[in-house]
Amino acid sequence: MTASKKETLRKEMTARRKQAHAALGEDASDGIAVQILALFDPIPKQVPVSLYWPIGSEIDTAPLLAVLFERGHVLGLPVTPGSPGPLSFRRWTPDTEMTVGPMNIPVPKASPAMFPDILLVPLLAFDTRGYRLGYGGGYYDRTLSQARARRRVMAIGLAYDEQEVDQVPTEPTDQPLDMVITPTRVIEPAELARLGRAGR
């Protein structure tokens, strides 16, 4: 039942995100970049960060890649495995040669592996509990589950305001986000805030 609810919501939110992207586009990316940079100001520059190479109507991360690199962060991009499993990450710089990886997403061609402490992730929908609706592969959920079992990591969703829903259908394997950033807001899930864990 939950899986069918998710699939129905994916269709609706894919259309809604396309509309927001067409209306806001570059302005949304710039607005989120401003929010991220304010958030990252007290974070040590040596903290490794993963972003994503945007496809379709996803929030464009190009402004963030450029500015965070100039700030001195070690940056990485995810690589989707050929079979179900967690994502791996390869280092990225402006000089990195890219190639087409699984699912036709550009990935660094021959960069060393990196292990992010902060992950900026795309999504189709989110709610104020911190849950995200992805594309159904479960890659970020598996990645966060394994990483959180070993160390403290922060997962931040990047989204348009229009992607918020009352409640994302969830399953036991779904991993919550620590934060969602839109062009106008920084959303810290209420439950995490009460536990003193938001923004860690």
Protein backbone atom coordinates (compact mmCIF):
# COMPACT_ATOMS: atom_id res chain seq x y z
CA MET A 1 0.00 0.00 0.00
CA THR A 2 2.76 2.45 0.93
CA ALA A 3 4.63 1.69 -2.30
CA SER A 4 1.56 2.47 -4.41
CA LYS A 5 0.98 5.72 -2.48
CA LYS A 6 4.58 6.71 -3.14
CA GLU A 7 4.27 6.00 -6.84
CA THR A 8 1.11 8.07 -7.15
CA LEU A 9 2.77 10.92 -5.27
CA ARG A 10 5.88 10.70 -7.47
CA LYS A 11 3.82 11.37 -10.58
CA GLU A 12 2.11 14.36 -8.98
CA MET A 13 5.31 15.82 -7.54
CA THR A 14 7.32 15.34 -10.73
CA ALA A 15 4.81 17.58 -12.50
CA ARG A 16 4.76 20.07 -9.63
CA ARG A 17 8.56 20.30 -9.52
CA LYS A 18 8.71 20.87 -13.28
CA GLN A 19 6.31 23.78 -12.91
CA ALA A 20 8.36 25.31 -10.09
CA HIS A 21 11.57 24.83 -12.04
CA ALA A 22 10.10 26.54 -15.11
CA ALA A 23 8.89 29.46 -13.00
CA LEU A 24 11.96 29.95 -10.79
CA GLY A 25 14.94 28.16 -12.34
CA GLU A 26 18.17 30.10 -11.75
CA ASP A 27 16.60 32.35 -9.10
CA ALA A 28 15.84 29.29 -6.95
CA SER A 29 19.40 28.00 -7.24
CA ASP A 30 20.81 31.38 -6.23
CA GLY A 31 18.41 31.62 -3.29
CA ILE A 32 19.39 28.20 -2.01
CA ALA A 33 23.08 28.99 -2.48
CA VAL A 34 22.68 32.01 -0.20
CA GLN A 35 20.98 29.86 2.46
CA ILE A 36 23.64 27.14 2.23
CA LEU A 37 26.53 29.57 2.51
CA ALA A 38 25.01 31.16 5.61
CA LEU A 39 24.57 27.69 7.12
CA PHE A 40 28.11 26.64 6.21
CA ASP A 41 29.76 29.79 7.56
CA PRO A 42 30.64 28.25 10.97
CA ILE A 43 31.42 24.81 9.50
CA PRO A 44 35.16 24.05 9.16
CA LYS A 45 36.33 24.25 5.58
CA GLN A 46 37.93 20.81 5.70
CA VAL A 47 34.53 19.13 6.20
CA PRO A 48 33.84 17.00 3.07
CA VAL A 49 30.57 17.70 1.26
CA SER A 50 28.74 15.77 -1.44
CA LEU A 51 26.36 17.42 -3.87
CA TYR A 52 24.67 15.97 -6.96
CA TRP A 53 24.85 16.64 -10.67
CA PRO A 54 21.39 18.05 -11.47
CA ILE A 55 19.17 16.34 -14.02
CA GLY A 56 15.78 17.44 -15.31
CA SER A 57 14.01 19.83 -12.96
CA GLU A 58 16.24 19.25 -9.93
CA ILE A 59 17.61 22.30 -8.12
CA ASP A 60 20.76 23.35 -9.99
CA THR A 61 23.83 22.83 -7.78
CA ALA A 62 26.33 24.55 -10.11
CA PRO A 63 26.48 27.77 -8.03
CA LEU A 64 27.10 25.73 -4.87
CA LEU A 65 29.79 23.57 -6.45
CA ALA A 66 31.73 26.63 -7.54
CA VAL A 67 31.42 28.60 -4.30
CA LEU A 68 32.02 25.69 -1.91
CA PHE A 69 35.11 24.72 -3.91
CA GLU A 70 36.45 28.26 -3.65
CA ARG A 71 35.72 28.17 0.08
CA GLY A 72 38.01 25.17 0.41
CA HIS A 73 35.68 22.23 1.00
CA VAL A 74 36.49 18.78 -0.34
CA LEU A 75 33.61 18.12 -2.72
CA GLY A 76 32.24 14.92 -4.14
CA LEU A 77 29.53 13.63 -6.45
CA PRO A 78 27.59 10.38 -6.02
CA VAL A 79 28.02 7.34 -8.22
CA THR A 80 25.04 4.98 -8.46
CA PRO A 81 26.01 1.30 -8.15
CA GLY A 82 25.14 -1.18 -10.86
CA SER A 83 23.07 -3.21 -8.39
CA PRO A 84 21.05 -2.24 -5.30
CA GLY A 85 23.38 -0.87 -2.65
CA PRO A 86 24.63 2.41 -1.20
CA LEU A 87 26.06 5.21 -3.29
CA SER A 88 29.78 5.73 -3.56
CA PHE A 89 31.32 9.19 -3.90
CA ARG A 90 34.17 10.55 -6.02
CA ARG A 91 35.99 13.83 -5.58
CA TRP A 92 35.08 16.74 -7.83
CA THR A 93 36.92 19.92 -8.78
CA PRO A 94 36.26 22.35 -11.64
CA ASP A 95 38.96 20.49 -13.62
CA THR A 96 37.48 17.03 -13.08
CA GLU A 97 36.80 15.10 -16.28
CA MET A 98 33.25 13.80 -16.33
CA THR A 99 31.73 10.74 -17.93
CA VAL A 100 28.21 9.34 -18.19
CA GLY A 101 27.47 6.94 -15.36
CA PRO A 102 24.53 4.68 -14.51
CA MET A 103 21.12 6.17 -15.24
CA ASN A 104 22.81 8.60 -17.67
CA ILE A 105 23.97 10.86 -14.83
CA PRO A 106 27.40 12.54 -15.26
CA VAL A 107 30.00 11.32 -12.75
CA PRO A 108 33.74 12.00 -12.24
CA LYS A 109 35.64 9.76 -14.61
CA ALA A 110 38.73 8.82 -12.61
CA SER A 111 38.65 10.70 -9.31
CA PRO A 112 39.60 9.22 -5.92
CA ALA A 113 36.90 8.16 -3.51
CA MET A 114 35.69 10.54 -0.81
CA PHE A 115 33.42 10.11 2.20
CA PRO A 116 31.11 13.08 2.87
CA ASP A 117 30.09 14.28 6.32
CA ILE A 118 27.42 16.51 4.76
CA LEU A 119 25.23 15.29 1.91
CA LEU A 120 23.13 17.66 -0.18
CA VAL A 121 20.43 15.57 -1.83
CA PRO A 122 17.70 16.02 -4.45
CA LEU A 123 14.09 15.02 -3.87
CA LEU A 124 10.60 15.03 -5.31
CA ALA A 125 8.72 15.85 -2.09
CA PHE A 126 9.38 16.53 1.57
CA ASP A 127 7.44 17.06 4.79
CA THR A 128 8.17 18.91 8.02
CA ARG A 129 9.15 15.64 9.73
CA GLY A 130 12.19 15.56 7.48
CA TYR A 131 11.11 12.71 5.25
CA ARG A 132 11.80 12.89 1.53
CA LEU A 133 10.29 11.20 -1.48
CA GLY A 134 12.97 10.13 -3.92
CA TYR A 135 12.82 8.26 -7.20
CA GLY A 136 12.26 4.80 -5.75
CA GLY A 137 15.73 3.27 -5.96
CA GLY A 138 16.47 3.65 -2.24
CA TYR A 139 20.10 4.62 -2.86
CA TYR A 140 20.21 7.58 -0.48
CA ASP A 141 18.33 5.64 2.20
CA ARG A 142 20.85 2.81 2.09
CA THR A 143 23.73 5.27 1.98
CA LEU A 144 22.51 7.21 5.02
CA SER A 145 21.62 4.06 6.96
CA GLN A 146 25.12 2.66 6.58
CA ALA A 147 26.88 5.98 7.18
CA ARG A 148 24.84 6.82 10.29
CA ALA A 149 25.62 3.41 11.77
CA ARG A 150 29.32 4.38 11.75
CA ARG A 151 29.51 8.13 12.31
CA ARG A 152 27.61 11.40 12.44
CA VAL A 153 26.54 12.71 9.04
CA MET A 154 24.12 15.45 8.02
CA ALA A 155 21.67 15.05 5.14
CA ILE A 156 20.19 18.24 3.68
CA GLY A 157 17.46 18.18 1.05
CA LEU A 158 17.36 20.88 -1.62
CA ALA A 159 13.89 21.68 -2.91
CA TYR A 160 11.44 24.24 -4.18
CA ASP A 161 8.86 25.42 -1.63
CA GLU A 162 6.22 23.88 -3.89
CA GLN A 163 7.58 20.40 -3.17
CA GLU A 164 6.34 20.37 0.43
CA VAL A 165 3.50 17.97 1.24
CA ASP A 166 1.57 17.28 4.44
CA GLN A 167 3.10 13.85 4.90
CA VAL A 168 5.39 11.69 2.79
CA PRO A 169 4.37 8.00 2.89
CA THR A 170 7.15 6.17 4.73
CA GLU A 171 8.53 2.68 5.19
CA PRO A 172 10.88 1.40 7.91
CA THR A 173 13.89 1.74 5.58
CA ASP A 174 13.30 5.44 4.88
CA GLN A 175 15.95 7.74 6.35
CA PRO A 176 14.90 11.24 7.48
CA LEU A 177 16.73 14.38 6.46
CA ASP A 178 18.33 16.62 9.07
CA MET A 179 17.21 19.71 7.21
CA VAL A 180 15.49 20.91 4.04
CA ILE A 181 16.55 24.13 2.32
CA THR A 182 14.33 25.94 -0.16
CA PRO A 183 14.85 29.31 -1.87
CA THR A 184 13.03 31.01 1.04
CA ARG A 185 13.39 28.76 4.10
CA VAL A 186 15.61 26.54 6.21
CA ILE A 187 13.34 23.82 7.57
CA GLU A 188 14.47 21.89 10.63
CA PRO A 189 12.20 18.93 11.38
CA ALA A 190 10.29 19.60 14.61
CA GLU A 191 11.08 16.25 16.16
CA LEU A 192 14.80 16.60 15.56
CA ALA A 193 14.74 20.16 16.92
CA ARG A 194 13.09 18.98 20.13
CA LEU A 195 15.83 16.39 20.56
CA GLY A 196 18.50 19.04 20.03
CA ARG A 197 19.77 17.27 16.91
CA ALA A 198 18.78 19.71 14.15
CA GLY A 199 21.59 21.64 12.54
CA ARG A 200 24.26 19.40 14.06
